[in-house]
Amino acid sequence: MPDDVPLQIVEEVTQRTPGFYGWQQPSWLYHCGDGAAFLGPAGYHDLQSHPDALEMVRGSYHQLGWSGHDTEAFLRQLDRANGPTAYLFQCLHCGAHLASWDID
């Protein structure tokens, strides 16, 4: 959780917001000091219409040390219903799209 997220926001998200199921441990995303709105599972083609979210997922692969080629190959495998899946969010304040990913 980012440092700028107040405790009452964390409590709202963790105790009073309906969650979502992921392949492993889903995590809620935050932006502009608030919990983002969960838009749903997303595949590669879904993320293409939200380049800011696609870049966020791409960046997480680079942080893991993946090569550009391996990252792009894996991104193209993202599927909203099967296998590696992205989870799309949107900031309630600035409208930025965010994404995390999970693998079965």
PDB file of N, CA and C in Angstrom:
ATOM      1  N   MET A   1       0.825  -1.165   0.000  1.00  0.00           N
ATOM      2  CA  MET A   1       0.000   0.000   0.000  1.00  0.00           C
ATOM      3  C   MET A   1       0.878   1.239   0.000  1.00  0.00           C
ATOM      4  N   PRO A   2       0.560   2.210  -0.825  1.00  0.00           N
ATOM      5  CA  PRO A   2       1.347   3.445  -0.820  1.00  0.00           C
ATOM      6  C   PRO A   2       1.226   4.186   0.517  1.00  0.00           C
ATOM      7  N   ASP A   3       2.255   4.921   0.875  1.00  0.00           N
ATOM      8  CA  ASP A   3       2.280   5.647   2.143  1.00  0.00           C
ATOM      9  C   ASP A   3       1.206   6.720   2.236  1.00  0.00           C
ATOM     10  N   ASP A   4       0.723   7.236   1.095  1.00  0.00           N
ATOM     11  CA  ASP A   4      -0.244   8.333   1.127  1.00  0.00           C
ATOM     12  C   ASP A   4      -1.697   7.865   1.273  1.00  0.00           C
ATOM     13  N   VAL A   5      -1.916   6.571   1.489  1.00  0.00           N
ATOM     14  CA  VAL A   5      -3.278   6.044   1.643  1.00  0.00           C
ATOM     15  C   VAL A   5      -3.629   6.015   3.133  1.00  0.00           C
ATOM     16  N   PRO A   6      -4.650   6.804   3.529  1.00  0.00           N
ATOM     17  CA  PRO A   6      -5.043   6.837   4.942  1.00  0.00           C
ATOM     18  C   PRO A   6      -5.611   5.497   5.420  1.00  0.00           C
ATOM     19  N   LEU A   7      -5.498   5.247   6.714  1.00  0.00           N
ATOM     20  CA  LEU A   7      -5.962   4.001   7.318  1.00  0.00           C
ATOM     21  C   LEU A   7      -7.445   3.772   7.042  1.00  0.00           C
ATOM     22  N   GLN A   8      -8.281   4.815   7.064  1.00  0.00           N
ATOM     23  CA  GLN A   8      -9.716   4.611   6.836  1.00  0.00           C
ATOM     24  C   GLN A   8      -9.998   4.122   5.423  1.00  0.00           C
ATOM     25  N   ILE A   9      -9.148   4.464   4.450  1.00  0.00           N
ATOM     26  CA  ILE A   9      -9.299   3.957   3.077  1.00  0.00           C
ATOM     27  C   ILE A   9      -8.938   2.473   3.047  1.00  0.00           C
ATOM     28  N   VAL A  10      -7.866   2.115   3.728  1.00  0.00           N
ATOM     29  CA  VAL A  10      -7.452   0.714   3.797  1.00  0.00           C
ATOM     30  C   VAL A  10      -8.562  -0.118   4.441  1.00  0.00           C
ATOM     31  N   GLU A  11      -9.146   0.392   5.513  1.00  0.00           N
ATOM     32  CA  GLU A  11     -10.246  -0.320   6.174  1.00  0.00           C
ATOM     33  C   GLU A  11     -11.451  -0.445   5.247  1.00  0.00           C
ATOM     34  N   GLU A  12     -11.772   0.605   4.508  1.00  0.00           N
ATOM     35  CA  GLU A  12     -12.900   0.568   3.565  1.00  0.00           C
ATOM     36  C   GLU A  12     -12.691  -0.520   2.519  1.00  0.00           C
ATOM     37  N   VAL A  13     -11.487  -0.581   1.955  1.00  0.00           N
ATOM     38  CA  VAL A  13     -11.193  -1.566   0.913  1.00  0.00           C
ATOM     39  C   VAL A  13     -11.150  -2.982   1.480  1.00  0.00           C
ATOM     40  N   THR A  14     -10.502  -3.153   2.618  1.00  0.00           N
ATOM     41  CA  THR A  14     -10.299  -4.511   3.142  1.00  0.00           C
ATOM     42  C   THR A  14     -11.489  -5.066   3.916  1.00  0.00           C
ATOM     43  N   GLN A  15     -12.360  -4.182   4.452  1.00  0.00           N
ATOM     44  CA  GLN A  15     -13.439  -4.674   5.304  1.00  0.00           C
ATOM     45  C   GLN A  15     -14.845  -4.448   4.754  1.00  0.00           C
ATOM     46  N   ARG A  16     -14.999  -3.464   3.843  1.00  0.00           N
ATOM     47  CA  ARG A  16     -16.353  -3.148   3.391  1.00  0.00           C
ATOM     48  C   ARG A  16     -16.523  -3.123   1.877  1.00  0.00           C
ATOM     49  N   THR A  17     -15.490  -3.452   1.142  1.00  0.00           N
ATOM     50  CA  THR A  17     -15.571  -3.458  -0.315  1.00  0.00           C
ATOM     51  C   THR A  17     -15.609  -4.899  -0.811  1.00  0.00           C
ATOM     52  N   PRO A  18     -16.574  -5.230  -1.671  1.00  0.00           N
ATOM     53  CA  PRO A  18     -16.565  -6.588  -2.228  1.00  0.00           C
ATOM     54  C   PRO A  18     -15.246  -6.856  -2.947  1.00  0.00           C
ATOM     55  N   GLY A  19     -14.700  -8.007  -2.739  1.00  0.00           N
ATOM     56  CA  GLY A  19     -13.422  -8.363  -3.339  1.00  0.00           C
ATOM     57  C   GLY A  19     -13.597  -9.037  -4.686  1.00  0.00           C
ATOM     58  N   PHE A  20     -12.528  -9.615  -5.164  1.00  0.00           N
ATOM     59  CA  PHE A  20     -12.556 -10.371  -6.403  1.00  0.00           C
ATOM     60  C   PHE A  20     -11.627 -11.567  -6.244  1.00  0.00           C
ATOM     61  N   TYR A  21     -11.883 -12.582  -7.030  1.00  0.00           N
ATOM     62  CA  TYR A  21     -11.066 -13.784  -6.968  1.00  0.00           C
ATOM     63  C   TYR A  21      -9.952 -13.697  -7.997  1.00  0.00           C
ATOM     64  N   GLY A  22      -8.778 -14.128  -7.596  1.00  0.00           N
ATOM     65  CA  GLY A  22      -7.639 -14.225  -8.496  1.00  0.00           C
ATOM     66  C   GLY A  22      -7.119 -15.650  -8.469  1.00  0.00           C
ATOM     67  N   TRP A  23      -6.198 -15.932  -9.345  1.00  0.00           N
ATOM     68  CA  TRP A  23      -5.604 -17.266  -9.378  1.00  0.00           C
ATOM     69  C   TRP A  23      -4.827 -17.530  -8.092  1.00  0.00           C
ATOM     70  N   GLN A  24      -4.162 -16.503  -7.603  1.00  0.00           N
ATOM     71  CA  GLN A  24      -3.401 -16.662  -6.369  1.00  0.00           C
ATOM     72  C   GLN A  24      -3.947 -15.654  -5.360  1.00  0.00           C
ATOM     73  N   GLN A  25      -3.156 -14.746  -4.897  1.00  0.00           N
ATOM     74  CA  GLN A  25      -3.597 -13.762  -3.907  1.00  0.00           C
ATOM     75  C   GLN A  25      -3.845 -12.420  -4.596  1.00  0.00           C
ATOM     76  N   PRO A  26      -5.118 -12.065  -4.838  1.00  0.00           N
ATOM     77  CA  PRO A  26      -5.375 -10.786  -5.507  1.00  0.00           C
ATOM     78  C   PRO A  26      -5.021  -9.616  -4.594  1.00  0.00           C
ATOM     79  N   SER A  27      -4.594  -8.530  -5.190  1.00  0.00           N
ATOM     80  CA  SER A  27      -4.275  -7.341  -4.404  1.00  0.00           C
ATOM     81  C   SER A  27      -4.992  -6.138  -5.009  1.00  0.00           C
ATOM     82  N   TRP A  28      -5.515  -5.311  -4.133  1.00  0.00           N
ATOM     83  CA  TRP A  28      -6.220  -4.105  -4.554  1.00  0.00           C
ATOM     84  C   TRP A  28      -5.183  -3.047  -4.904  1.00  0.00           C
ATOM     85  N   LEU A  29      -5.477  -2.246  -5.905  1.00  0.00           N
ATOM     86  CA  LEU A  29      -4.555  -1.187  -6.297  1.00  0.00           C
ATOM     87  C   LEU A  29      -5.044   0.168  -5.786  1.00  0.00           C
ATOM     88  N   TYR A  30      -4.087   1.044  -5.537  1.00  0.00           N
ATOM     89  CA  TYR A  30      -4.353   2.370  -4.987  1.00  0.00           C
ATOM     90  C   TYR A  30      -3.697   3.407  -5.874  1.00  0.00           C
ATOM     91  N   HIS A  31      -4.297   4.607  -5.909  1.00  0.00           N
ATOM     92  CA  HIS A  31      -3.746   5.701  -6.705  1.00  0.00           C
ATOM     93  C   HIS A  31      -4.305   7.005  -6.153  1.00  0.00           C
ATOM     94  N   CYS A  32      -3.533   8.042  -6.190  1.00  0.00           N
ATOM     95  CA  CYS A  32      -3.951   9.367  -5.696  1.00  0.00           C
ATOM     96  C   CYS A  32      -4.440   9.294  -4.248  1.00  0.00           C
ATOM     97  N   GLY A  33      -3.798   8.467  -3.432  1.00  0.00           N
ATOM     98  CA  GLY A  33      -4.130   8.376  -2.021  1.00  0.00           C
ATOM     99  C   GLY A  33      -5.455   7.708  -1.725  1.00  0.00           C
ATOM    100  N   ASP A  34      -5.976   6.926  -2.656  1.00  0.00           N
ATOM    101  CA  ASP A  34      -7.282   6.298  -2.476  1.00  0.00           C
ATOM    102  C   ASP A  34      -7.283   4.925  -3.141  1.00  0.00           C
ATOM    103  N   GLY A  35      -8.246   4.103  -2.768  1.00  0.00           N
ATOM    104  CA  GLY A  35      -8.427   2.821  -3.434  1.00  0.00           C
ATOM    105  C   GLY A  35      -8.992   3.055  -4.820  1.00  0.00           C
ATOM    106  N   ALA A  36      -8.487   2.333  -5.786  1.00  0.00           N
ATOM    107  CA  ALA A  36      -8.972   2.466  -7.165  1.00  0.00           C
ATOM    108  C   ALA A  36     -10.223   1.604  -7.341  1.00  0.00           C
ATOM    109  N   ALA A  37     -10.998   1.896  -8.367  1.00  0.00           N
ATOM    110  CA  ALA A  37     -12.181   1.105  -8.696  1.00  0.00           C
ATOM    111  C   ALA A  37     -11.757  -0.121  -9.487  1.00  0.00           C
ATOM    112  N   PHE A  38     -12.235  -1.283  -9.066  1.00  0.00           N
ATOM    113  CA  PHE A  38     -11.942  -2.522  -9.784  1.00  0.00           C
ATOM    114  C   PHE A  38     -12.881  -2.619 -10.976  1.00  0.00           C
ATOM    115  N   LEU A  39     -12.317  -2.724 -12.175  1.00  0.00           N
ATOM    116  CA  LEU A  39     -13.119  -2.815 -13.390  1.00  0.00           C
ATOM    117  C   LEU A  39     -13.323  -4.247 -13.852  1.00  0.00           C
ATOM    118  N   GLY A  40     -12.454  -5.160 -13.435  1.00  0.00           N
ATOM    119  CA  GLY A  40     -12.633  -6.560 -13.780  1.00  0.00           C
ATOM    120  C   GLY A  40     -11.374  -7.196 -14.318  1.00  0.00           C
ATOM    121  N   PRO A  41     -11.440  -8.511 -14.568  1.00  0.00           N
ATOM    122  CA  PRO A  41     -10.307  -9.206 -15.168  1.00  0.00           C
ATOM    123  C   PRO A  41     -10.115  -8.731 -16.606  1.00  0.00           C
ATOM    124  N   ALA A  42      -8.888  -8.812 -17.063  1.00  0.00           N
ATOM    125  CA  ALA A  42      -8.575  -8.314 -18.409  1.00  0.00           C
ATOM    126  C   ALA A  42      -7.529  -9.191 -19.067  1.00  0.00           C
ATOM    127  N   GLY A  43      -7.648  -9.336 -20.357  1.00  0.00           N
ATOM    128  CA  GLY A  43      -6.649  -9.995 -21.173  1.00  0.00           C
ATOM    129  C   GLY A  43      -5.806  -8.951 -21.893  1.00  0.00           C
ATOM    130  N   TYR A  44      -4.882  -9.412 -22.685  1.00  0.00           N
ATOM    131  CA  TYR A  44      -3.986  -8.511 -23.416  1.00  0.00           C
ATOM    132  C   TYR A  44      -4.763  -7.530 -24.295  1.00  0.00           C
ATOM    133  N   HIS A  45      -5.754  -8.021 -25.010  1.00  0.00           N
ATOM    134  CA  HIS A  45      -6.504  -7.142 -25.914  1.00  0.00           C
ATOM    135  C   HIS A  45      -7.302  -6.100 -25.138  1.00  0.00           C
ATOM    136  N   ASP A  46      -7.769  -6.449 -23.951  1.00  0.00           N
ATOM    137  CA  ASP A  46      -8.456  -5.474 -23.103  1.00  0.00           C
ATOM    138  C   ASP A  46      -7.498  -4.376 -22.664  1.00  0.00           C
ATOM    139  N   LEU A  47      -6.280  -4.761 -22.311  1.00  0.00           N
ATOM    140  CA  LEU A  47      -5.304  -3.788 -21.828  1.00  0.00           C
ATOM    141  C   LEU A  47      -4.806  -2.858 -22.936  1.00  0.00           C
ATOM    142  N   GLN A  48      -4.863  -3.309 -24.172  1.00  0.00           N
ATOM    143  CA  GLN A  48      -4.382  -2.465 -25.263  1.00  0.00           C
ATOM    144  C   GLN A  48      -5.151  -1.159 -25.359  1.00  0.00           C
ATOM    145  N   SER A  49      -6.408  -1.151 -24.941  1.00  0.00           N
ATOM    146  CA  SER A  49      -7.173   0.096 -24.978  1.00  0.00           C
ATOM    147  C   SER A  49      -6.920   0.968 -23.749  1.00  0.00           C
ATOM    148  N   HIS A  50      -6.058   0.499 -22.846  1.00  0.00           N
ATOM    149  CA  HIS A  50      -5.661   1.247 -21.645  1.00  0.00           C
ATOM    150  C   HIS A  50      -4.139   1.207 -21.534  1.00  0.00           C
ATOM    151  N   PRO A  51      -3.444   1.980 -22.372  1.00  0.00           N
ATOM    152  CA  PRO A  51      -1.977   1.876 -22.414  1.00  0.00           C
ATOM    153  C   PRO A  51      -1.280   2.134 -21.081  1.00  0.00           C
ATOM    154  N   ASP A  52      -1.873   2.987 -20.221  1.00  0.00           N
ATOM    155  CA  ASP A  52      -1.247   3.226 -18.920  1.00  0.00           C
ATOM    156  C   ASP A  52      -1.257   1.946 -18.074  1.00  0.00           C
ATOM    157  N   ALA A  53      -2.337   1.177 -18.130  1.00  0.00           N
ATOM    158  CA  ALA A  53      -2.411  -0.085 -17.401  1.00  0.00           C
ATOM    159  C   ALA A  53      -1.463  -1.120 -18.007  1.00  0.00           C
ATOM    160  N   LEU A  54      -1.410  -1.171 -19.328  1.00  0.00           N
ATOM    161  CA  LEU A  54      -0.510  -2.103 -20.004  1.00  0.00           C
ATOM    162  C   LEU A  54       0.940  -1.810 -19.635  1.00  0.00           C
ATOM    163  N   GLU A  55       1.299  -0.549 -19.563  1.00  0.00           N
ATOM    164  CA  GLU A  55       2.671  -0.177 -19.175  1.00  0.00           C
ATOM    165  C   GLU A  55       2.968  -0.561 -17.732  1.00  0.00           C
ATOM    166  N   MET A  56       1.958  -0.480 -16.881  1.00  0.00           N
ATOM    167  CA  MET A  56       2.153  -0.866 -15.477  1.00  0.00           C
ATOM    168  C   MET A  56       2.475  -2.355 -15.379  1.00  0.00           C
ATOM    169  N   VAL A  57       1.745  -3.175 -16.120  1.00  0.00           N
ATOM    170  CA  VAL A  57       2.014  -4.616 -16.119  1.00  0.00           C
ATOM    171  C   VAL A  57       3.373  -4.891 -16.751  1.00  0.00           C
ATOM    172  N   ARG A  58       3.659  -4.235 -17.859  1.00  0.00           N
ATOM    173  CA  ARG A  58       4.954  -4.412 -18.531  1.00  0.00           C
ATOM    174  C   ARG A  58       6.095  -4.068 -17.570  1.00  0.00           C
ATOM    175  N   GLY A  59       5.937  -2.989 -16.827  1.00  0.00           N
ATOM    176  CA  GLY A  59       6.962  -2.577 -15.868  1.00  0.00           C
ATOM    177  C   GLY A  59       7.186  -3.595 -14.768  1.00  0.00           C
ATOM    178  N   SER A  60       6.109  -4.269 -14.352  1.00  0.00           N
ATOM    179  CA  SER A  60       6.280  -5.277 -13.301  1.00  0.00           C
ATOM    180  C   SER A  60       7.096  -6.463 -13.793  1.00  0.00           C
ATOM    181  N   TYR A  61       6.957  -6.809 -15.076  1.00  0.00           N
ATOM    182  CA  TYR A  61       7.781  -7.884 -15.643  1.00  0.00           C
ATOM    183  C   TYR A  61       9.248  -7.463 -15.706  1.00  0.00           C
ATOM    184  N   HIS A  62       9.483  -6.222 -16.089  1.00  0.00           N
ATOM    185  CA  HIS A  62      10.863  -5.730 -16.155  1.00  0.00           C
ATOM    186  C   HIS A  62      11.501  -5.739 -14.766  1.00  0.00           C
ATOM    187  N   GLN A  63      10.704  -5.425 -13.741  1.00  0.00           N
ATOM    188  CA  GLN A  63      11.231  -5.451 -12.372  1.00  0.00           C
ATOM    189  C   GLN A  63      11.643  -6.868 -11.961  1.00  0.00           C
ATOM    190  N   LEU A  64      11.021  -7.847 -12.565  1.00  0.00           N
ATOM    191  CA  LEU A  64      11.388  -9.245 -12.288  1.00  0.00           C
ATOM    192  C   LEU A  64      12.616  -9.685 -13.079  1.00  0.00           C
ATOM    193  N   GLY A  65      13.117  -8.798 -13.934  1.00  0.00           N
ATOM    194  CA  GLY A  65      14.309  -9.108 -14.709  1.00  0.00           C
ATOM    195  C   GLY A  65      14.040  -9.783 -16.039  1.00  0.00           C
ATOM    196  N   TRP A  66      12.796  -9.783 -16.487  1.00  0.00           N
ATOM    197  CA  TRP A  66      12.459 -10.405 -17.764  1.00  0.00           C
ATOM    198  C   TRP A  66      12.985  -9.569 -18.915  1.00  0.00           C
ATOM    199  N   SER A  67      13.392 -10.216 -19.969  1.00  0.00           N
ATOM    200  CA  SER A  67      13.829  -9.496 -21.169  1.00  0.00           C
ATOM    201  C   SER A  67      12.604  -8.882 -21.845  1.00  0.00           C
ATOM    202  N   GLY A  68      12.847  -7.925 -22.708  1.00  0.00           N
ATOM    203  CA  GLY A  68      11.760  -7.302 -23.459  1.00  0.00           C
ATOM    204  C   GLY A  68      10.999  -8.315 -24.299  1.00  0.00           C
ATOM    205  N   HIS A  69      11.720  -9.230 -24.931  1.00  0.00           N
ATOM    206  CA  HIS A  69      11.093 -10.249 -25.766  1.00  0.00           C
ATOM    207  C   HIS A  69      10.197 -11.172 -24.933  1.00  0.00           C
ATOM    208  N   ASP A  70      10.722 -11.656 -23.796  1.00  0.00           N
ATOM    209  CA  ASP A  70       9.946 -12.540 -22.931  1.00  0.00           C
ATOM    210  C   ASP A  70       8.728 -11.818 -22.359  1.00  0.00           C
ATOM    211  N   THR A  71       8.915 -10.565 -21.999  1.00  0.00           N
ATOM    212  CA  THR A  71       7.804  -9.772 -21.468  1.00  0.00           C
ATOM    213  C   THR A  71       6.689  -9.653 -22.491  1.00  0.00           C
ATOM    214  N   GLU A  72       7.021  -9.291 -23.703  1.00  0.00           N
ATOM    215  CA  GLU A  72       5.998  -9.120 -24.743  1.00  0.00           C
ATOM    216  C   GLU A  72       5.308 -10.438 -25.070  1.00  0.00           C
ATOM    217  N   ALA A  73       6.054 -11.526 -25.084  1.00  0.00           N
ATOM    218  CA  ALA A  73       5.452 -12.835 -25.347  1.00  0.00           C
ATOM    219  C   ALA A  73       4.472 -13.201 -24.239  1.00  0.00           C
ATOM    220  N   PHE A  74       4.842 -12.919 -23.013  1.00  0.00           N
ATOM    221  CA  PHE A  74       3.963 -13.250 -21.902  1.00  0.00           C
ATOM    222  C   PHE A  74       2.739 -12.336 -21.881  1.00  0.00           C
ATOM    223  N   LEU A  75       2.928 -11.062 -22.159  1.00  0.00           N
ATOM    224  CA  LEU A  75       1.792 -10.132 -22.188  1.00  0.00           C
ATOM    225  C   LEU A  75       0.716 -10.611 -23.155  1.00  0.00           C
ATOM    226  N   ARG A  76       1.136 -11.114 -24.292  1.00  0.00           N
ATOM    227  CA  ARG A  76       0.188 -11.571 -25.314  1.00  0.00           C
ATOM    228  C   ARG A  76      -0.588 -12.812 -24.869  1.00  0.00           C
ATOM    229  N   GLN A  77      -0.121 -13.478 -23.814  1.00  0.00           N
ATOM    230  CA  GLN A  77      -0.829 -14.642 -23.281  1.00  0.00           C
ATOM    231  C   GLN A  77      -1.899 -14.269 -22.249  1.00  0.00           C
ATOM    232  N   LEU A  78      -1.899 -13.022 -21.793  1.00  0.00           N
ATOM    233  CA  LEU A  78      -2.878 -12.628 -20.786  1.00  0.00           C
ATOM    234  C   LEU A  78      -4.290 -12.840 -21.319  1.00  0.00           C
ATOM    235  N   ASP A  79      -5.115 -13.480 -20.510  1.00  0.00           N
ATOM    236  CA  ASP A  79      -6.477 -13.816 -20.907  1.00  0.00           C
ATOM    237  C   ASP A  79      -7.401 -13.551 -19.717  1.00  0.00           C
ATOM    238  N   ARG A  80      -8.530 -12.944 -19.954  1.00  0.00           N
ATOM    239  CA  ARG A  80      -9.412 -12.590 -18.838  1.00  0.00           C
ATOM    240  C   ARG A  80     -10.022 -13.805 -18.149  1.00  0.00           C
ATOM    241  N   ALA A  81     -10.055 -14.960 -18.805  1.00  0.00           N
ATOM    242  CA  ALA A  81     -10.733 -16.124 -18.239  1.00  0.00           C
ATOM    243  C   ALA A  81      -9.818 -17.305 -17.914  1.00  0.00           C
ATOM    244  N   ASN A  82      -8.662 -17.396 -18.560  1.00  0.00           N
ATOM    245  CA  ASN A  82      -7.801 -18.572 -18.391  1.00  0.00           C
ATOM    246  C   ASN A  82      -6.341 -18.173 -18.281  1.00  0.00           C
ATOM    247  N   GLY A  83      -5.614 -18.932 -17.462  1.00  0.00           N
ATOM    248  CA  GLY A  83      -4.164 -18.746 -17.387  1.00  0.00           C
ATOM    249  C   GLY A  83      -3.765 -17.424 -16.797  1.00  0.00           C
ATOM    250  N   PRO A  84      -2.696 -16.850 -17.291  1.00  0.00           N
ATOM    251  CA  PRO A  84      -2.287 -15.565 -16.738  1.00  0.00           C
ATOM    252  C   PRO A  84      -3.353 -14.515 -17.044  1.00  0.00           C
ATOM    253  N   THR A  85      -3.734 -13.776 -16.017  1.00  0.00           N
ATOM    254  CA  THR A  85      -4.817 -12.798 -16.112  1.00  0.00           C
ATOM    255  C   THR A  85      -4.356 -11.472 -15.543  1.00  0.00           C
ATOM    256  N   ALA A  86      -4.799 -10.396 -16.147  1.00  0.00           N
ATOM    257  CA  ALA A  86      -4.586  -9.055 -15.595  1.00  0.00           C
ATOM    258  C   ALA A  86      -5.870  -8.620 -14.896  1.00  0.00           C
ATOM    259  N   TYR A  87      -5.737  -7.711 -13.954  1.00  0.00           N
ATOM    260  CA  TYR A  87      -6.878  -7.152 -13.244  1.00  0.00           C
ATOM    261  C   TYR A  87      -6.838  -5.644 -13.440  1.00  0.00           C
ATOM    262  N   LEU A  88      -7.892  -5.115 -14.025  1.00  0.00           N
ATOM    263  CA  LEU A  88      -7.938  -3.717 -14.422  1.00  0.00           C
ATOM    264  C   LEU A  88      -8.642  -2.871 -13.360  1.00  0.00           C
ATOM    265  N   PHE A  89      -8.032  -1.756 -13.028  1.00  0.00           N
ATOM    266  CA  PHE A  89      -8.564  -0.792 -12.057  1.00  0.00           C
ATOM    267  C   PHE A  89      -8.543   0.596 -12.696  1.00  0.00           C
ATOM    268  N   GLN A  90      -9.274   1.530 -12.077  1.00  0.00           N
ATOM    269  CA  GLN A  90      -9.233   2.922 -12.526  1.00  0.00           C
ATOM    270  C   GLN A  90      -9.224   3.830 -11.304  1.00  0.00           C
ATOM    271  N   CYS A  91      -8.346   4.820 -11.321  1.00  0.00           N
ATOM    272  CA  CYS A  91      -8.257   5.791 -10.240  1.00  0.00           C
ATOM    273  C   CYS A  91      -9.555   6.603 -10.180  1.00  0.00           C
ATOM    274  N   LEU A  92     -10.079   6.767  -8.976  1.00  0.00           N
ATOM    275  CA  LEU A  92     -11.315   7.520  -8.774  1.00  0.00           C
ATOM    276  C   LEU A  92     -11.113   9.022  -8.905  1.00  0.00           C
ATOM    277  N   HIS A  93      -9.858   9.466  -8.889  1.00  0.00           N
ATOM    278  CA  HIS A  93      -9.588  10.899  -8.896  1.00  0.00           C
ATOM    279  C   HIS A  93      -9.073  11.405 -10.239  1.00  0.00           C
ATOM    280  N   CYS A  94      -8.050  10.758 -10.765  1.00  0.00           N
ATOM    281  CA  CYS A  94      -7.436  11.256 -12.009  1.00  0.00           C
ATOM    282  C   CYS A  94      -7.836  10.445 -13.237  1.00  0.00           C
ATOM    283  N   GLY A  95      -8.487   9.305 -13.026  1.00  0.00           N
ATOM    284  CA  GLY A  95      -8.935   8.490 -14.149  1.00  0.00           C
ATOM    285  C   GLY A  95      -7.893   7.556 -14.734  1.00  0.00           C
ATOM    286  N   ALA A  96      -6.687   7.549 -14.179  1.00  0.00           N
ATOM    287  CA  ALA A  96      -5.639   6.657 -14.698  1.00  0.00           C
ATOM    288  C   ALA A  96      -6.083   5.200 -14.573  1.00  0.00           C
ATOM    289  N   HIS A  97      -5.725   4.417 -15.562  1.00  0.00           N
ATOM    290  CA  HIS A  97      -5.986   2.978 -15.514  1.00  0.00           C
ATOM    291  C   HIS A  97      -4.763   2.274 -14.962  1.00  0.00           C
ATOM    292  N   LEU A  98      -4.998   1.298 -14.112  1.00  0.00           N
ATOM    293  CA  LEU A  98      -3.947   0.559 -13.427  1.00  0.00           C
ATOM    294  C   LEU A  98      -4.218  -0.926 -13.649  1.00  0.00           C
ATOM    295  N   ALA A  99      -3.209  -1.733 -13.518  1.00  0.00           N
ATOM    296  CA  ALA A  99      -3.419  -3.176 -13.656  1.00  0.00           C
ATOM    297  C   ALA A  99      -2.379  -3.944 -12.847  1.00  0.00           C
ATOM    298  N   SER A 100      -2.817  -5.063 -12.347  1.00  0.00           N
ATOM    299  CA  SER A 100      -1.924  -6.043 -11.745  1.00  0.00           C
ATOM    300  C   SER A 100      -2.134  -7.329 -12.531  1.00  0.00           C
ATOM    301  N   TRP A 101      -1.375  -8.356 -12.226  1.00  0.00           N
ATOM    302  CA  TRP A 101      -1.516  -9.618 -12.951  1.00  0.00           C
ATOM    303  C   TRP A 101      -1.313 -10.774 -12.007  1.00  0.00           C
ATOM    304  N   ASP A 102      -1.768 -11.908 -12.458  1.00  0.00           N
ATOM    305  CA  ASP A 102      -1.704 -13.123 -11.667  1.00  0.00           C
ATOM    306  C   ASP A 102      -1.566 -14.291 -12.618  1.00  0.00           C
ATOM    307  N   ILE A 103      -0.999 -15.350 -12.145  1.00  0.00           N
ATOM    308  CA  ILE A 103      -0.811 -16.538 -12.985  1.00  0.00           C
ATOM    309  C   ILE A 103      -1.290 -17.757 -12.204  1.00  0.00           C
ATOM    310  N   ASP A 104      -1.907 -18.668 -12.910  1.00  0.00           N
ATOM    311  CA  ASP A 104      -2.393 -19.867 -12.229  1.00  0.00           C
ATOM    312  C   ASP A 104      -1.288 -20.862 -12.002  1.00  0.00           C
TER     313      ASP A 104
END
